[in-house]
Amino acid sequence: MYCLELAGEDDAFAAREAEAAAAGVELLAPGLARAGHVG
């Protein structure tokens, strides 16, 4: 499991960008997400 700090104003957009490098990205709180597998 990985913890991701999201930058910018739009967390949903940042999470979608993170999905390009990680699987299972889930928003936890404003500016914070986790990913189950990075590949």
PDB file of N, CA and C in Angstrom:
ATOM      1  N   MET A   1       0.853  -1.162   0.000  1.00  0.00           N
ATOM      2  CA  MET A   1       0.000   0.000   0.000  1.00  0.00           C
ATOM      3  C   MET A   1       0.905   1.232   0.000  1.00  0.00           C
ATOM      4  N   TYR A   2       0.500   2.252  -0.716  1.00  0.00           N
ATOM      5  CA  TYR A   2       1.236   3.504  -0.821  1.00  0.00           C
ATOM      6  C   TYR A   2       0.319   4.662  -0.465  1.00  0.00           C
ATOM      7  N   CYS A   3       0.861   5.651   0.191  1.00  0.00           N
ATOM      8  CA  CYS A   3       0.133   6.872   0.519  1.00  0.00           C
ATOM      9  C   CYS A   3       0.582   7.945  -0.468  1.00  0.00           C
ATOM     10  N   LEU A   4      -0.370   8.634  -1.077  1.00  0.00           N
ATOM     11  CA  LEU A   4      -0.072   9.652  -2.083  1.00  0.00           C
ATOM     12  C   LEU A   4      -0.554  11.010  -1.609  1.00  0.00           C
ATOM     13  N   GLU A   5       0.301  12.014  -1.708  1.00  0.00           N
ATOM     14  CA  GLU A   5      -0.106  13.387  -1.433  1.00  0.00           C
ATOM     15  C   GLU A   5      -0.405  14.028  -2.782  1.00  0.00           C
ATOM     16  N   LEU A   6      -1.631  14.519  -2.945  1.00  0.00           N
ATOM     17  CA  LEU A   6      -2.067  15.084  -4.214  1.00  0.00           C
ATOM     18  C   LEU A   6      -1.835  16.590  -4.228  1.00  0.00           C
ATOM     19  N   ALA A   7      -1.388  17.095  -5.367  1.00  0.00           N
ATOM     20  CA  ALA A   7      -1.143  18.530  -5.523  1.00  0.00           C
ATOM     21  C   ALA A   7      -2.211  19.124  -6.438  1.00  0.00           C
ATOM     22  N   GLY A   8      -2.477  20.401  -6.279  1.00  0.00           N
ATOM     23  CA  GLY A   8      -3.421  21.093  -7.142  1.00  0.00           C
ATOM     24  C   GLY A   8      -4.752  21.332  -6.462  1.00  0.00           C
ATOM     25  N   GLU A   9      -5.669  21.856  -7.227  1.00  0.00           N
ATOM     26  CA  GLU A   9      -6.984  22.249  -6.724  1.00  0.00           C
ATOM     27  C   GLU A   9      -8.036  21.154  -6.883  1.00  0.00           C
ATOM     28  N   ASP A  10      -7.813  20.216  -7.800  1.00  0.00           N
ATOM     29  CA  ASP A  10      -8.826  19.227  -8.154  1.00  0.00           C
ATOM     30  C   ASP A  10      -8.337  17.822  -7.803  1.00  0.00           C
ATOM     31  N   ASP A  11      -8.735  17.303  -6.653  1.00  0.00           N
ATOM     32  CA  ASP A  11      -8.281  15.994  -6.194  1.00  0.00           C
ATOM     33  C   ASP A  11      -8.725  14.873  -7.129  1.00  0.00           C
ATOM     34  N   ALA A  12      -9.913  14.970  -7.676  1.00  0.00           N
ATOM     35  CA  ALA A  12     -10.394  13.914  -8.576  1.00  0.00           C
ATOM     36  C   ALA A  12      -9.488  13.825  -9.808  1.00  0.00           C
ATOM     37  N   PHE A  13      -9.100  14.956 -10.352  1.00  0.00           N
ATOM     38  CA  PHE A  13      -8.205  14.976 -11.506  1.00  0.00           C
ATOM     39  C   PHE A  13      -6.837  14.419 -11.126  1.00  0.00           C
ATOM     40  N   ALA A  14      -6.312  14.817  -9.978  1.00  0.00           N
ATOM     41  CA  ALA A  14      -5.006  14.332  -9.519  1.00  0.00           C
ATOM     42  C   ALA A  14      -5.046  12.820  -9.298  1.00  0.00           C
ATOM     43  N   ALA A  15      -6.134  12.311  -8.777  1.00  0.00           N
ATOM     44  CA  ALA A  15      -6.263  10.869  -8.574  1.00  0.00           C
ATOM     45  C   ALA A  15      -6.278  10.139  -9.911  1.00  0.00           C
ATOM     46  N   ARG A  16      -6.958  10.699 -10.897  1.00  0.00           N
ATOM     47  CA  ARG A  16      -6.975  10.081 -12.235  1.00  0.00           C
ATOM     48  C   ARG A  16      -5.577  10.074 -12.833  1.00  0.00           C
ATOM     49  N   GLU A  17      -4.816  11.140 -12.634  1.00  0.00           N
ATOM     50  CA  GLU A  17      -3.433  11.172 -13.109  1.00  0.00           C
ATOM     51  C   GLU A  17      -2.602  10.094 -12.411  1.00  0.00           C
ATOM     52  N   ALA A  18      -2.804   9.914 -11.117  1.00  0.00           N
ATOM     53  CA  ALA A  18      -2.056   8.919 -10.357  1.00  0.00           C
ATOM     54  C   ALA A  18      -2.344   7.509 -10.852  1.00  0.00           C
ATOM     55  N   GLU A  19      -3.536   7.281 -11.379  1.00  0.00           N
ATOM     56  CA  GLU A  19      -3.902   5.960 -11.891  1.00  0.00           C
ATOM     57  C   GLU A  19      -3.070   5.560 -13.102  1.00  0.00           C
ATOM     58  N   ALA A  20      -2.385   6.523 -13.723  1.00  0.00           N
ATOM     59  CA  ALA A  20      -1.495   6.192 -14.833  1.00  0.00           C
ATOM     60  C   ALA A  20      -0.279   5.405 -14.330  1.00  0.00           C
ATOM     61  N   ALA A  21       0.078   5.555 -13.055  1.00  0.00           N
ATOM     62  CA  ALA A  21       1.245   4.881 -12.500  1.00  0.00           C
ATOM     63  C   ALA A  21       0.900   3.887 -11.399  1.00  0.00           C
ATOM     64  N   ALA A  22      -0.303   3.950 -10.867  1.00  0.00           N
ATOM     65  CA  ALA A  22      -0.660   3.107  -9.732  1.00  0.00           C
ATOM     66  C   ALA A  22      -2.067   2.550  -9.913  1.00  0.00           C
ATOM     67  N   ALA A  23      -2.274   1.357  -9.414  1.00  0.00           N
ATOM     68  CA  ALA A  23      -3.593   0.738  -9.470  1.00  0.00           C
ATOM     69  C   ALA A  23      -4.290   0.901  -8.127  1.00  0.00           C
ATOM     70  N   GLY A  24      -5.589   0.982  -8.165  1.00  0.00           N
ATOM     71  CA  GLY A  24      -6.367   1.026  -6.936  1.00  0.00           C
ATOM     72  C   GLY A  24      -6.255   2.335  -6.169  1.00  0.00           C
ATOM     73  N   VAL A  25      -6.212   3.453  -6.887  1.00  0.00           N
ATOM     74  CA  VAL A  25      -6.112   4.759  -6.220  1.00  0.00           C
ATOM     75  C   VAL A  25      -7.458   5.097  -5.590  1.00  0.00           C
ATOM     76  N   GLU A  26      -7.428   5.423  -4.313  1.00  0.00           N
ATOM     77  CA  GLU A  26      -8.641   5.742  -3.552  1.00  0.00           C
ATOM     78  C   GLU A  26      -8.417   7.042  -2.779  1.00  0.00           C
ATOM     79  N   LEU A  27      -9.323   8.011  -2.978  1.00  0.00           N
ATOM     80  CA  LEU A  27      -9.236   9.264  -2.231  1.00  0.00           C
ATOM     81  C   LEU A  27      -9.605   9.019  -0.780  1.00  0.00           C
ATOM     82  N   LEU A  28      -8.786   9.530   0.138  1.00  0.00           N
ATOM     83  CA  LEU A  28      -9.024   9.345   1.562  1.00  0.00           C
ATOM     84  C   LEU A  28      -9.509  10.635   2.221  1.00  0.00           C
ATOM     85  N   ALA A  29      -8.904  11.751   1.854  1.00  0.00           N
ATOM     86  CA  ALA A  29      -9.200  13.063   2.427  1.00  0.00           C
ATOM     87  C   ALA A  29      -8.708  14.097   1.411  1.00  0.00           C
ATOM     88  N   PRO A  30      -9.060  15.351   1.588  1.00  0.00           N
ATOM     89  CA  PRO A  30      -8.562  16.368   0.659  1.00  0.00           C
ATOM     90  C   PRO A  30      -7.031  16.340   0.583  1.00  0.00           C
ATOM     91  N   GLY A  31      -6.528  16.125  -0.644  1.00  0.00           N
ATOM     92  CA  GLY A  31      -5.093  16.103  -0.870  1.00  0.00           C
ATOM     93  C   GLY A  31      -4.395  14.804  -0.512  1.00  0.00           C
ATOM     94  N   LEU A  32      -5.164  13.759  -0.177  1.00  0.00           N
ATOM     95  CA  LEU A  32      -4.573  12.506   0.276  1.00  0.00           C
ATOM     96  C   LEU A  32      -5.284  11.317  -0.375  1.00  0.00           C
ATOM     97  N   ALA A  33      -4.487  10.384  -0.883  1.00  0.00           N
ATOM     98  CA  ALA A  33      -5.032   9.176  -1.492  1.00  0.00           C
ATOM     99  C   ALA A  33      -4.114   8.012  -1.150  1.00  0.00           C
ATOM    100  N   ARG A  34      -4.621   6.796  -1.387  1.00  0.00           N
ATOM    101  CA  ARG A  34      -3.764   5.629  -1.239  1.00  0.00           C
ATOM    102  C   ARG A  34      -3.898   4.784  -2.503  1.00  0.00           C
ATOM    103  N   ALA A  35      -2.862   4.015  -2.761  1.00  0.00           N
ATOM    104  CA  ALA A  35      -2.834   3.125  -3.913  1.00  0.00           C
ATOM    105  C   ALA A  35      -2.440   1.749  -3.434  1.00  0.00           C
ATOM    106  N   GLY A  36      -3.090   0.744  -3.980  1.00  0.00           N
ATOM    107  CA  GLY A  36      -2.824  -0.612  -3.556  1.00  0.00           C
ATOM    108  C   GLY A  36      -1.608  -1.229  -4.216  1.00  0.00           C
ATOM    109  N   HIS A  37      -1.321  -0.843  -5.439  1.00  0.00           N
ATOM    110  CA  HIS A  37      -0.210  -1.451  -6.168  1.00  0.00           C
ATOM    111  C   HIS A  37       0.340  -0.431  -7.145  1.00  0.00           C
ATOM    112  N   VAL A  38       1.629  -0.188  -7.092  1.00  0.00           N
ATOM    113  CA  VAL A  38       2.289   0.718  -8.044  1.00  0.00           C
ATOM    114  C   VAL A  38       3.037  -0.138  -9.038  1.00  0.00           C
ATOM    115  N   GLY A  39       2.796   0.162 -10.321  1.00  0.00           N
ATOM    116  CA  GLY A  39       3.455  -0.650 -11.346  1.00  0.00           C
ATOM    117  C   GLY A  39       3.930   0.109 -12.507  1.00  0.00           C
TER     118      GLY A  39
END
